[in-house]
Amino acid sequence: MRCPAVLGMLLLLVALSGCGEVPDGGSAPGGGVGPRTLTIHADGGDVRIRVEIADEPAEQRRGLMHRTALGEDRGMLFVFDREQRLSFWMKDTLIPLSIAYIDSEGRIVDIQNMKPLDDDPPHYVSARPAMYALEVNRGFFEERGVEVGDTVELP
């Protein structure tokens, strides 16, 4: 009759193992990569950001939709398989954001400010081909002196 007790303990351990923060570089819910640190080399010094990685199509479609806040020095890095003109929209995104488009060499090629819930064309299209897009709270780049031409050390 100890089997139900052992089974109950195992189920409890399995349930508890799913709780808590995703470790750096670990898998996030949905198969994505957990928060990592990204560094931007700007004229005013290095700027570090903890980013969630969106490298799967489902994660990229969801992005930061439906969230009510994004922590300070936090963001989401979208990773694509090749350089191309990237286009983003703000459908169901409640937070005002800024986006930096980054080429395959890690150079910022465009920065734009985006309005919450803005899903009307034209969308936010990169000025030049990019392989990455970094979304942060609106004004983040300007406040820290990050500009087009700065380089990014990608995680």
Protein backbone atom coordinates (compact mmCIF):
# COMPACT_ATOMS: atom_id res chain seq x y z
CA MET A 1 0.00 0.00 0.00
CA ARG A 2 3.03 2.33 -0.13
CA CYS A 3 2.68 2.68 -3.91
CA PRO A 4 0.02 5.43 -3.79
CA ALA A 5 2.18 7.44 -1.35
CA VAL A 6 5.30 7.07 -3.52
CA LEU A 7 3.31 7.91 -6.64
CA GLY A 8 1.88 10.99 -4.91
CA MET A 9 5.37 12.19 -3.95
CA LEU A 10 6.63 11.68 -7.50
CA LEU A 11 3.72 13.65 -8.92
CA LEU A 12 4.38 16.45 -6.43
CA LEU A 13 8.07 16.58 -7.41
CA VAL A 14 7.19 16.69 -11.10
CA ALA A 15 4.72 19.52 -10.51
CA LEU A 16 7.22 21.51 -8.44
CA SER A 17 9.98 21.04 -11.01
CA GLY A 18 7.88 23.08 -13.46
CA CYS A 19 7.78 26.11 -11.15
CA GLY A 20 10.28 28.91 -10.89
CA GLU A 21 12.38 31.07 -13.17
CA VAL A 22 14.04 29.70 -16.28
CA PRO A 23 17.82 29.57 -15.77
CA ASP A 24 20.10 31.54 -18.08
CA GLY A 25 20.28 29.67 -21.35
CA GLY A 26 17.64 27.14 -20.33
CA SER A 27 14.46 26.34 -22.14
CA ALA A 28 11.49 28.60 -21.60
CA PRO A 29 7.88 27.48 -21.80
CA GLY A 30 7.01 26.79 -25.43
CA GLY A 31 10.53 25.63 -26.24
CA GLY A 32 12.22 29.04 -26.43
CA VAL A 33 15.50 30.01 -24.87
CA GLY A 34 15.34 31.59 -21.40
CA PRO A 35 16.57 35.10 -20.55
CA ARG A 36 20.11 35.93 -21.65
CA THR A 37 22.28 39.02 -21.48
CA LEU A 38 22.85 41.07 -24.61
CA THR A 39 25.41 43.91 -24.67
CA ILE A 40 25.23 46.99 -26.90
CA HIS A 41 28.53 48.82 -27.39
CA ALA A 42 27.47 52.49 -27.55
CA ASP A 43 29.60 55.65 -27.47
CA GLY A 44 28.50 56.33 -23.89
CA GLY A 45 29.54 52.86 -22.72
CA ASP A 46 28.19 49.35 -22.72
CA VAL A 47 24.46 48.81 -22.27
CA ARG A 48 23.35 45.42 -20.96
CA ILE A 49 19.87 44.01 -21.48
CA ARG A 50 18.32 40.77 -20.26
CA VAL A 51 16.43 39.40 -23.26
CA GLU A 52 14.03 36.64 -24.01
CA ILE A 53 14.88 34.93 -27.29
CA ALA A 54 12.16 34.48 -29.94
CA ASP A 55 13.66 32.20 -32.57
CA GLU A 56 10.65 30.05 -33.45
CA PRO A 57 7.79 31.31 -35.67
CA ALA A 58 5.14 30.86 -32.94
CA GLU A 59 7.24 32.85 -30.43
CA GLN A 60 7.87 35.53 -33.03
CA ARG A 61 4.16 35.88 -33.82
CA ARG A 62 3.32 36.15 -30.10
CA GLY A 63 6.19 38.48 -29.22
CA LEU A 64 5.24 40.77 -26.33
CA MET A 65 1.47 40.64 -27.02
CA HIS A 66 -0.93 40.93 -24.07
CA ARG A 67 1.73 41.90 -21.53
CA THR A 68 1.05 44.90 -19.35
CA ALA A 69 4.68 45.67 -18.46
CA LEU A 70 8.25 44.96 -19.45
CA GLY A 71 10.92 45.20 -16.76
CA GLU A 72 13.64 47.84 -16.85
CA ASP A 73 16.67 46.67 -18.83
CA ARG A 74 14.58 43.83 -20.27
CA GLY A 75 13.61 43.05 -23.84
CA MET A 76 12.93 40.46 -26.50
CA LEU A 77 15.40 39.50 -29.23
CA PHE A 78 13.88 38.12 -32.43
CA VAL A 79 16.27 35.89 -34.36
CA PHE A 80 15.75 35.14 -38.05
CA ASP A 81 17.60 32.68 -40.29
CA ARG A 82 18.84 35.29 -42.79
CA GLU A 83 19.11 39.01 -43.40
CA GLN A 84 15.96 40.49 -44.88
CA ARG A 85 13.72 43.52 -44.60
CA LEU A 86 11.88 42.92 -41.33
CA SER A 87 8.39 44.22 -40.56
CA PHE A 88 6.79 44.34 -37.11
CA TRP A 89 3.36 45.38 -35.92
CA MET A 90 1.89 46.08 -32.49
CA LYS A 91 -1.29 43.97 -32.68
CA ASP A 92 -2.47 43.23 -29.13
CA THR A 93 0.75 44.75 -27.73
CA LEU A 94 -0.12 46.97 -24.80
CA ILE A 95 3.36 48.35 -24.02
CA PRO A 96 4.93 51.26 -25.95
CA LEU A 97 8.13 49.85 -27.43
CA SER A 98 11.26 50.82 -29.29
CA ILE A 99 12.79 48.42 -31.79
CA ALA A 100 16.37 48.16 -33.04
CA TYR A 101 17.00 46.24 -36.23
CA ILE A 102 20.41 44.52 -36.25
CA ASP A 103 22.27 43.07 -39.25
CA SER A 104 24.15 39.76 -39.38
CA GLU A 105 27.38 41.53 -38.33
CA GLY A 106 25.75 42.79 -35.12
CA ARG A 107 25.43 46.41 -36.23
CA ILE A 108 22.26 48.38 -35.49
CA VAL A 109 20.86 49.48 -38.87
CA ASP A 110 17.62 51.14 -37.73
CA ILE A 111 15.80 52.21 -34.55
CA GLN A 112 12.08 53.03 -34.42
CA ASN A 113 9.50 53.87 -31.77
CA MET A 114 6.27 51.88 -31.88
CA LYS A 115 2.79 52.71 -30.57
CA PRO A 116 0.76 50.22 -28.51
CA LEU A 117 -2.06 48.41 -30.32
CA ASP A 118 -0.94 49.81 -33.70
CA ASP A 119 -1.76 47.19 -36.31
CA ASP A 120 -2.57 49.50 -39.20
CA PRO A 121 -0.22 49.51 -42.18
CA PRO A 122 2.39 50.65 -42.79
CA HIS A 123 4.00 48.45 -40.18
CA TYR A 124 7.39 49.13 -38.66
CA VAL A 125 9.68 48.08 -41.51
CA SER A 126 13.48 48.03 -41.15
CA ALA A 127 15.29 50.69 -43.17
CA ARG A 128 17.86 48.07 -44.23
CA PRO A 129 18.01 44.28 -44.21
CA ALA A 130 18.39 42.83 -40.72
CA MET A 131 18.72 39.41 -39.12
CA TYR A 132 17.70 40.41 -35.59
CA ALA A 133 15.19 42.73 -33.98
CA LEU A 134 15.42 43.91 -30.38
CA GLU A 135 12.27 45.22 -28.65
CA VAL A 136 12.60 47.21 -25.42
CA ASN A 137 10.54 49.78 -23.52
CA ARG A 138 9.97 52.91 -25.58
CA GLY A 139 12.75 55.46 -25.07
CA PHE A 140 15.26 52.87 -23.79
CA PHE A 141 17.74 53.42 -26.63
CA GLU A 142 17.52 57.21 -26.54
CA GLU A 143 17.94 57.35 -22.74
CA ARG A 144 21.12 55.26 -22.93
CA GLY A 145 22.64 56.91 -26.00
CA VAL A 146 22.20 53.88 -28.27
CA GLU A 147 22.24 54.87 -31.95
CA VAL A 148 22.25 53.43 -35.45
CA GLY A 149 25.78 52.17 -36.14
CA ASP A 150 26.39 50.87 -32.60
CA THR A 151 27.32 47.21 -32.33
CA VAL A 152 25.59 44.46 -30.42
CA GLU A 153 27.20 41.49 -28.73
CA LEU A 154 24.56 38.85 -29.26
CA PRO A 155 24.00 36.02 -26.76
